Protein backbone atom coordinates (compact mmCIF):
# COMPACT_ATOMS: atom_id res chain seq x y z
CA MET A 1 29.96 9.48 6.37
CA SER A 2 32.42 10.10 3.55
CA LEU A 3 32.98 8.15 0.39
CA ALA A 4 36.32 7.46 -1.24
CA LEU A 5 36.29 8.47 -4.89
CA ARG A 6 38.57 7.42 -7.70
CA VAL A 7 38.92 9.66 -10.75
CA ILE A 8 39.24 8.25 -14.25
CA ARG A 9 40.91 10.23 -17.00
CA LEU A 10 38.84 8.57 -19.73
CA LYS A 11 36.30 10.98 -21.23
CA ALA A 12 35.80 12.97 -18.03
CA ARG A 13 34.21 10.01 -16.27
CA GLN A 14 33.88 9.70 -12.50
CA VAL A 15 33.76 6.43 -10.64
CA VAL A 16 32.79 6.57 -6.98
CA ARG A 17 34.22 3.87 -4.74
CA LEU A 18 32.11 2.66 -1.81
CA ARG A 19 34.24 0.69 0.65
CA GLY A 20 35.57 -1.37 -2.21
CA GLY A 21 32.62 -0.83 -4.56
CA THR A 22 32.02 2.00 -7.00
CA VAL A 23 29.25 4.27 -8.15
CA GLN A 24 29.75 5.57 -11.66
CA MET A 25 28.65 9.17 -12.22
CA ASN A 26 28.91 11.20 -15.42
CA CYS A 27 30.51 14.61 -15.87
CA TYR A 28 31.46 16.81 -18.81
CA ARG A 29 34.26 18.60 -17.02
CA SER A 30 37.79 17.41 -17.66
CA CYS A 31 39.63 15.62 -14.90
CA THR A 32 43.10 16.70 -16.11
CA PRO A 33 43.27 19.99 -14.13
CA PHE A 34 42.36 18.09 -11.02
CA ILE A 35 45.18 15.59 -11.49
CA ARG A 36 47.63 18.50 -11.77
CA CYS A 37 46.45 19.78 -8.40
CA LEU A 38 47.76 16.67 -6.67
CA PHE A 39 51.30 18.05 -6.63
CA SER A 40 50.45 20.73 -4.04
CA PRO A 41 48.56 19.81 -0.85
CA PHE A 42 47.11 23.34 -0.40
CA VAL A 43 46.12 23.68 -4.02
CA PHE A 44 44.82 20.13 -3.94
CA TYR A 45 42.12 20.99 -1.38
CA LEU A 46 41.12 24.14 -3.25
CA CYS A 47 40.88 22.23 -6.51
CA LEU A 48 39.07 19.41 -4.79
CA SER A 49 36.31 21.71 -3.54
CA ALA A 50 35.86 23.35 -6.91
CA PHE A 51 35.95 20.03 -8.72
CA ILE A 52 33.30 18.39 -6.53
CA CYS A 53 30.93 21.35 -6.69
CA GLY A 54 31.30 21.79 -10.42
CA CYS A 55 31.26 18.14 -11.33
CA PHE A 56 28.44 16.85 -9.18
CA SER A 57 26.23 19.81 -10.00
CA SER A 58 25.94 18.44 -13.53
CA VAL A 59 25.35 14.77 -12.67
CA SER A 60 21.69 14.80 -13.72
CA TYR A 61 22.40 16.46 -17.02
CA ALA A 62 25.44 14.61 -18.30
CA SER A 63 25.82 11.48 -20.35
CA SER A 64 28.78 9.76 -21.96
CA PRO A 65 29.47 6.29 -23.43
CA TYR A 66 29.66 3.38 -20.96
CA GLU A 67 33.00 1.60 -20.98
CA ASP A 68 34.27 -1.05 -18.60
CA MET A 69 35.87 1.14 -15.91
CA ARG A 70 38.32 -1.08 -14.09
CA ALA A 71 41.41 1.18 -13.99
CA ARG A 72 41.37 3.85 -11.29
CA ASP A 73 44.04 6.38 -10.31
CA SER A 74 43.42 8.96 -7.60
CA LEU A 75 41.43 9.18 -4.38
CA TYR A 76 39.47 12.03 -2.82
CA ALA A 77 36.55 12.43 -0.42
CA ALA A 78 33.05 13.66 -1.16
CA ALA A 79 29.93 14.11 0.94
CA LYS A 80 27.21 11.48 0.71
CA GLN A 81 24.61 14.02 -0.32
CA ALA A 82 26.55 14.80 -3.50
CA LEU A 83 25.32 11.50 -4.90
CA ASN A 84 21.68 12.48 -4.38
CA VAL A 85 21.60 15.72 -6.37
CA GLY A 86 19.09 16.33 -9.11
CA GLU A 87 15.45 17.12 -9.54
CA PRO A 88 13.05 15.82 -6.86
CA ARG A 89 10.14 13.51 -7.70
CA THR A 90 12.38 11.65 -10.12
CA VAL A 91 12.96 7.94 -10.64
CA ARG A 92 16.70 7.25 -10.82
CA MET A 93 18.23 4.17 -12.43
CA ILE A 94 21.21 2.12 -11.29
CA TYR A 95 23.03 -0.74 -13.00
CA PHE A 96 24.61 -2.85 -10.24
CA LEU A 97 27.57 -5.14 -10.97
CA PRO A 98 29.25 -7.55 -8.52
CA ASN A 99 33.02 -7.08 -8.72
CA ASP A 100 33.55 -10.24 -10.75
CA ARG A 101 30.88 -9.61 -13.39
CA PRO A 102 31.72 -7.96 -16.75
CA PHE A 103 29.94 -4.77 -17.79
CA GLN A 104 27.20 -5.28 -20.41
CA GLN A 105 26.23 -2.35 -22.57
CA ALA A 106 23.10 -4.24 -23.66
CA VAL A 107 21.77 -4.08 -20.09
CA VAL A 108 22.10 -0.29 -20.00
CA ASP A 109 20.43 0.01 -23.40
CA SER A 110 17.57 -2.20 -22.24
CA MET A 111 17.08 -0.11 -19.10
CA LYS A 112 16.76 3.05 -21.16
CA VAL A 113 14.15 1.50 -23.44
CA THR A 114 12.23 -0.09 -20.56
CA ILE A 115 11.90 3.02 -18.40
CA ARG A 116 10.32 4.87 -21.32
CA GLN A 117 7.96 1.95 -21.91
CA ILE A 118 6.90 1.88 -18.26
CA GLN A 119 6.44 5.65 -18.16
CA THR A 120 4.18 5.46 -21.22
CA PHE A 121 2.23 2.52 -19.76
CA TYR A 122 1.35 4.47 -16.62
CA ALA A 123 0.46 7.58 -18.67
CA ASP A 124 -1.82 5.53 -20.95
CA GLN A 125 -3.52 3.85 -18.01
CA MET A 126 -4.02 7.04 -16.02
CA GLU A 127 -5.57 8.64 -19.10
CA ALA A 128 -7.84 5.62 -19.60
CA HIS A 129 -9.14 6.11 -16.06
CA GLY A 130 -9.85 9.80 -16.58
CA TYR A 131 -6.85 11.45 -14.89
CA GLY A 132 -5.06 12.75 -17.97
CA ARG A 133 -1.58 11.56 -18.88
CA LYS A 134 -0.23 11.67 -15.36
CA THR A 135 2.90 9.63 -14.96
CA PHE A 136 6.29 9.67 -13.23
CA ARG A 137 9.43 11.21 -14.65
CA PHE A 138 12.88 9.64 -14.77
CA GLU A 139 16.34 11.17 -14.55
CA THR A 140 17.77 12.29 -17.90
CA ASP A 141 20.96 13.69 -19.35
CA ALA A 142 21.37 17.01 -21.17
CA GLN A 143 19.96 15.47 -24.37
CA GLY A 144 16.87 14.17 -22.59
CA ASP A 145 17.97 10.53 -22.71
CA PRO A 146 17.47 8.26 -19.67
CA LEU A 147 20.44 8.45 -17.31
CA VAL A 148 21.82 5.23 -15.81
CA HIS A 149 24.26 5.26 -12.88
CA ARG A 150 26.63 2.34 -12.62
CA VAL A 151 27.47 0.86 -9.22
CA ASP A 152 30.32 -1.65 -8.92
CA GLY A 153 29.75 -3.84 -5.89
CA GLN A 154 32.14 -4.56 -3.06
CA HIS A 155 31.89 -8.33 -3.44
CA PRO A 156 31.75 -11.13 -6.02
CA ASP A 157 28.52 -12.48 -7.48
CA SER A 158 28.14 -15.28 -4.91
CA HIS A 159 27.88 -12.75 -2.07
CA TYR A 160 24.63 -11.34 -3.45
CA LEU A 161 22.79 -14.59 -4.16
CA ASP A 162 21.45 -15.19 -0.61
CA ASP A 163 19.29 -12.56 1.08
CA THR A 164 19.79 -10.54 -2.08
CA PHE A 165 17.52 -7.61 -1.29
CA ASP A 166 18.90 -6.75 2.16
CA THR A 167 22.49 -7.33 1.07
CA LEU A 168 22.10 -4.95 -1.86
CA PHE A 169 20.04 -2.47 0.12
CA ASP A 170 22.67 -2.19 2.86
CA GLU A 171 25.45 -1.65 0.35
CA ILE A 172 23.73 0.83 -1.96
CA GLY A 173 22.29 2.68 1.02
CA GLN A 174 25.79 3.99 1.71
CA ALA A 175 25.51 6.33 -1.25
CA PHE A 176 21.87 6.81 -2.15
CA ASP A 177 19.03 8.25 -0.08
CA ALA A 178 16.09 5.91 -0.70
CA ARG A 179 13.84 7.94 1.58
CA GLN A 180 13.97 10.99 -0.66
CA ASN A 181 14.33 9.31 -4.05
CA ILE A 182 12.94 6.30 -5.90
CA TYR A 183 15.59 3.99 -7.35
CA PHE A 184 15.05 1.42 -10.08
CA ILE A 185 18.01 -0.96 -9.88
CA VAL A 186 18.98 -3.72 -12.30
CA VAL A 187 21.22 -6.35 -10.75
CA ASP A 188 23.70 -8.23 -12.93
CA ASN A 189 24.08 -11.67 -11.35
CA SER A 190 24.45 -15.32 -12.35
CA THR A 191 20.98 -16.49 -11.29
CA ASN A 192 18.90 -13.84 -13.03
CA ARG A 193 16.79 -13.68 -9.84
CA ILE A 194 16.52 -11.45 -6.78
CA GLY A 195 16.86 -14.14 -4.14
CA GLN A 196 14.02 -16.50 -5.04
CA ALA A 197 11.92 -13.84 -6.77
CA ALA A 198 11.76 -12.22 -10.19
CA GLY A 199 11.97 -8.83 -8.49
CA SER A 200 11.64 -7.13 -5.13
CA ALA A 201 10.81 -3.67 -3.80
CA ARG A 202 10.51 -1.65 -0.62
CA LEU A 203 8.54 1.53 0.04
CA MET A 204 10.52 4.12 2.01
CA GLY A 205 7.86 6.72 2.80
CA LYS A 206 5.89 9.25 0.78
CA ASN A 207 8.85 10.25 -1.43
CA GLY A 208 11.15 7.26 -1.53
CA GLY A 209 11.52 3.64 -2.43
CA ILE A 210 13.82 1.12 -4.00
CA CYS A 211 13.26 -1.84 -6.31
CA PHE A 212 15.53 -4.52 -7.72
CA VAL A 213 15.09 -6.60 -10.87
CA PRO A 214 17.64 -8.94 -12.48
CA ILE A 215 19.07 -8.58 -15.96
CA GLY A 216 16.84 -10.11 -18.59
CA PHE A 217 13.76 -8.73 -16.82
CA HIS A 218 10.45 -8.26 -18.62
CA TRP A 219 9.13 -4.71 -18.69
CA THR A 220 5.98 -5.78 -16.81
CA THR A 221 8.07 -7.12 -13.94
CA ALA A 222 9.85 -3.79 -13.75
CA ALA A 223 6.52 -1.91 -13.92
CA HIS A 224 5.15 -4.09 -11.11
CA GLU A 225 8.15 -3.60 -8.83
CA LEU A 226 8.27 0.12 -9.58
CA GLY A 227 4.57 0.21 -8.70
CA HIS A 228 5.45 -1.01 -5.21
CA THR A 229 7.76 1.98 -4.76
CA PHE A 230 4.73 4.18 -5.55
CA ASP A 231 2.95 2.42 -2.64
CA LEU A 232 0.85 0.17 -4.88
CA ARG A 233 0.16 -3.17 -3.22
CA HIS A 234 -0.84 -6.40 -4.92
CA ASP A 235 -4.26 -6.53 -6.58
CA PHE A 236 -5.35 -10.03 -7.59
CA ASN A 237 -8.97 -9.07 -8.35
CA ASP A 238 -8.09 -9.40 -12.04
CA ASP A 239 -5.05 -11.25 -13.36
CA THR A 240 -4.55 -8.62 -16.05
CA TYR A 241 -3.72 -6.00 -13.41
CA ILE A 242 -0.07 -4.94 -13.44
CA MET A 243 -0.01 -5.33 -9.64
CA SER A 244 -1.17 -8.96 -9.87
CA TYR A 245 1.02 -11.71 -11.29
CA GLY A 246 -0.64 -10.87 -14.63
CA ARG A 247 -1.67 -12.73 -17.70
CA GLU A 248 0.98 -12.58 -20.41
CA GLY A 249 0.14 -10.06 -23.12
CA ARG A 250 -2.63 -8.20 -21.28
CA TYR A 251 -1.82 -5.62 -18.64
CA GLN A 252 -3.68 -2.74 -17.07
CA LEU A 253 -3.73 -0.53 -14.01
CA SER A 254 -6.76 -1.06 -11.78
CA ALA A 255 -9.21 1.80 -11.20
CA CYS A 256 -8.33 1.64 -7.50
CA HIS A 257 -4.62 2.12 -8.14
CA ALA A 258 -5.17 4.83 -10.73
CA GLU A 259 -7.24 6.78 -8.20
CA PHE A 260 -4.48 6.34 -5.62
CA LEU A 261 -1.75 7.54 -8.01
CA SER A 262 -3.76 10.64 -8.96
CA VAL A 263 -2.63 12.23 -5.66
CA HIS A 264 0.86 10.73 -5.54
CA PRO A 265 3.65 13.37 -5.53
CA TYR A 266 5.52 11.58 -8.35
CA PHE A 267 2.43 11.71 -10.56
CA ASP A 268 1.14 15.18 -9.71
CA PRO A 269 3.60 18.06 -9.15
CA ALA A 270 0.89 19.97 -7.27
CA ILE A 271 0.97 17.40 -4.45
CA PRO A 272 3.42 18.47 -1.71
CA THR A 273 6.32 16.16 -0.98
CA GLU A 274 6.38 17.02 2.71
CA GLU A 275 4.91 14.47 5.08
CA ALA A 276 1.83 15.83 6.86
CA GLN A 277 -0.67 14.59 9.42
CA PRO A 278 -2.31 11.50 7.89
CA PRO A 279 -6.01 10.63 8.05
CA THR A 280 -7.32 8.89 11.16
CA ILE A 281 -9.28 5.64 10.95
CA GLU A 282 -11.55 4.18 13.63
CA LEU A 283 -13.23 0.80 13.33
CA VAL A 284 -16.82 1.22 14.54
CA SER A 285 -18.21 -2.22 13.63
CA GLN A 286 -17.70 -5.54 15.41
CA THR A 287 -14.77 -7.82 14.62
CA GLY A 288 -16.61 -11.06 15.39
CA TYR A 289 -19.25 -12.61 13.15
CA PRO A 290 -21.61 -15.60 13.63
CA ALA A 291 -20.76 -18.99 12.20
CA GLY A 292 -22.18 -19.53 8.74
CA SER A 293 -22.15 -15.82 7.83
CA LYS A 294 -21.89 -15.11 4.13
CA SER A 295 -20.75 -11.50 4.58
CA VAL A 296 -19.96 -9.02 7.30
CA SER A 297 -20.20 -5.23 7.36
CA ILE A 298 -16.96 -3.34 8.06
CA GLN A 299 -17.67 0.24 9.11
CA LEU A 300 -14.91 2.80 9.52
CA LYS A 301 -14.97 6.38 10.74
CA VAL A 302 -12.38 8.27 8.71
CA SER A 303 -11.26 11.89 9.22
CA ASP A 304 -8.73 14.30 7.76
CA SER A 305 -8.54 18.10 7.96
CA ASP A 306 -7.23 18.38 4.37
CA GLY A 307 -10.06 16.30 2.90
CA LEU A 308 -10.31 12.59 2.18
CA HIS A 309 -9.45 11.10 -1.20
CA GLN A 310 -9.70 7.32 -0.92
CA VAL A 311 -10.04 4.39 1.49
CA ILE A 312 -8.63 0.97 0.50
CA LEU A 313 -9.46 -2.31 2.22
CA PHE A 314 -6.69 -4.93 2.08
CA ILE A 315 -6.66 -8.57 3.13
CA THR A 316 -3.57 -10.60 4.01
CA THR A 317 -2.49 -13.14 1.38
CA ILE A 318 -2.41 -16.69 2.78
CA PRO A 319 -0.42 -19.86 1.95
CA PRO A 320 0.45 -21.43 -0.38
CA HIS A 321 0.57 -18.26 -2.50
CA SER A 322 4.09 -16.94 -3.16
CA ALA A 323 3.06 -13.51 -1.80
CA THR A 324 1.96 -15.00 1.54
CA GLY A 325 1.98 -12.46 4.36
CA SER A 326 1.69 -9.38 2.15
CA TYR A 327 -1.43 -7.25 1.75
CA GLU A 328 -3.59 -7.40 -1.35
CA VAL A 329 -6.43 -5.12 -2.45
CA LYS A 330 -9.92 -6.35 -1.61
CA SER A 331 -11.97 -3.20 -2.27
CA CYS A 332 -11.74 0.60 -2.62
CA ARG A 333 -13.94 3.60 -1.87
CA GLY A 334 -13.35 6.97 -3.48
CA LEU A 335 -14.18 10.14 -1.54
CA ALA A 336 -14.70 13.72 -2.69
CA GLY A 337 -12.72 15.73 -0.17
CA GLU A 338 -14.95 15.16 2.86
CA ARG A 339 -13.26 15.83 6.17
CA ASP A 340 -15.27 13.19 8.00
CA ALA A 341 -16.95 10.10 6.59
CA ILE A 342 -18.34 6.72 7.59
CA VAL A 343 -17.07 4.24 5.02
CA GLU A 344 -18.65 0.80 4.80
CA PHE A 345 -17.36 -2.34 3.10
CA ASP A 346 -19.42 -5.51 2.65
CA TYR A 347 -16.79 -8.19 3.22
CA ASP A 348 -17.55 -11.71 1.95
CA GLY A 349 -14.36 -13.38 3.17
CA VAL A 350 -13.10 -14.29 -0.31
CA ILE A 351 -9.39 -13.51 -0.66
CA PRO A 352 -8.82 -12.50 -4.32
CA SER A 353 -5.63 -14.55 -4.62
CA ASP A 354 -7.50 -17.68 -3.43
CA SER A 355 -11.10 -17.92 -4.63
CA SER A 356 -11.75 -21.01 -2.48
CA THR A 357 -11.74 -18.92 0.71
CA SER A 358 -14.78 -17.64 2.64
CA LEU A 359 -15.71 -16.32 6.07
CA SER A 360 -15.67 -19.89 7.40
CA ASP A 361 -12.34 -20.79 5.79
CA PRO A 362 -10.09 -19.38 7.11
CA PHE A 363 -11.73 -18.57 10.46
CA GLU A 364 -9.65 -15.43 10.91
CA HIS A 365 -9.10 -12.68 8.36
CA ARG A 366 -6.32 -10.18 8.90
CA ILE A 367 -7.45 -6.81 7.56
CA TYR A 368 -5.41 -3.72 6.73
CA VAL A 369 -7.07 -0.40 5.86
CA GLU A 370 -5.36 2.62 4.31
CA ALA A 371 -6.96 6.08 4.03
CA VAL A 372 -5.43 8.70 1.72
CA ASP A 373 -6.08 12.43 1.89
CA SER A 374 -6.18 14.98 -0.93
CA PHE A 375 -2.42 15.62 -0.56
CA GLY A 376 -1.33 11.99 -0.76
CA ASN A 377 -0.79 11.44 2.97
CA ALA A 378 -1.81 7.97 4.11
CA GLY A 379 -2.98 6.67 7.47
CA ASN A 380 -3.69 3.04 8.29
CA THR A 381 -5.11 0.60 10.80
CA ARG A 382 -5.11 -3.18 11.23
CA PHE A 383 -7.55 -5.61 12.82
CA GLU A 384 -8.76 -9.21 12.58
CA LEU A 385 -12.23 -10.47 11.71
CA PHE A 386 -13.09 -13.85 13.19
CA ASP A 387 -15.81 -16.47 13.45
CA ILE A 388 -17.02 -16.14 17.07
CA SER A 389 -17.76 -19.87 17.27
CA THR A 390 -14.03 -20.55 17.15
CA GLN A 391 -13.31 -18.50 20.26
CA ARG A 392 -13.63 -21.18 22.93
CA ASN A 393 -13.81 -20.40 26.63
CA LEU A 394 -10.65 -21.54 28.39
CA ILE A 395 -11.18 -24.03 31.21
CA ALA A 396 -8.44 -24.31 33.80
CA THR A 397 -7.92 -27.11 36.27
CA LEU A 398 -5.22 -27.86 38.81
CA GLU A 399 -5.51 -31.61 38.39
CA GLY A 400 -2.36 -33.15 37.04
CA HIS A 401 -0.40 -29.86 37.20
CA ARG A 402 1.95 -30.12 40.16
CA ARG A 403 3.64 -26.80 39.42
CA VAL A 404 0.38 -24.79 39.43
CA ASN A 405 -0.62 -23.61 42.91
CA SER A 406 -3.55 -21.31 42.08
CA VAL A 407 -5.66 -19.90 39.26
CA SER A 408 -7.17 -16.41 39.24
CA PHE A 409 -10.29 -15.40 37.28
CA SER A 410 -11.30 -11.91 36.30
CA PRO A 411 -14.61 -10.78 37.86
CA ASP A 412 -15.62 -9.77 34.31
CA GLY A 413 -15.31 -13.36 33.11
């Protein structure tokens, strides 16, 4: 796939057009020599190659003032991968504008302040949990200031208001590789929402992810959504947790999530970015429990040749909570590098996001378990726990069913 690019003569700025939209990149090199090349087709292609290599090689280290770039002159083609250059294990920021929304410098300024605030928050919290000041890094310019890429959308504001996440994801995915990079994207729209939510995110594997927040976002919303791109799921065990829907003014990272991040490749440069064989998980306890049970033992056999780091037990959030259908943390177990372990959880049926729940209400509990090894590779399994009294034997009869000619029963019952 190729991308059509339009070159601006103002302060050596590049604007990358994506099927009618643009991605703004920064470059110190002057565009004037390139414009002169347009008069000769042969020289044009030579200049084009040199220009692309020289200009995009400095994308992560360049910064210039942000003006409203609406005028565009010339077109040329560039490979998709040129827009994904830069240091690995780096959070990259994008300011996304529908094509009928004016550029706002204040949004860019806010993004730069916020990313530093979030970085410091994670460092402070990791240190508080005994892991040192581990935190993520973000893309910077040559002066060390946060770098923001501008993307001008293909469509007007109204196009992005329904199914906002998927619409934006499909469009931005043309230029950015969300499986190998984490992108923090601020969307400039008229509703100041991402669909019906204050923010949204998607994990794209061990090294990638993408999150969207609207303009006017609070730094905690951004920290929460960015947490999802680090594979942190909701944790409603305490409403001060950043991965809950927290209490205003008090925020912290749970011990469970801090332990998880201690072997995340964005938080520890010693952790390999390559995907490797994940841990295996086998449920060795029963899934059914007697009516009236107050708790049930969940026993798991967990193995990994590189050594086990952590096992997390999740429960599915139920209605009417706004996060219905997603997984939330119920409990964690830390491990010390064992290759094989039997991990046991005493499950009481209470879903943290709804304290009125128990093993008898609801009757079925959808469980998700994730095991993480010492190199940040994660394996998972899913199963349901259920009250055995609710599993009625099915009785079949032919009476009154004219279309049923026969019924077969298994010899096993």
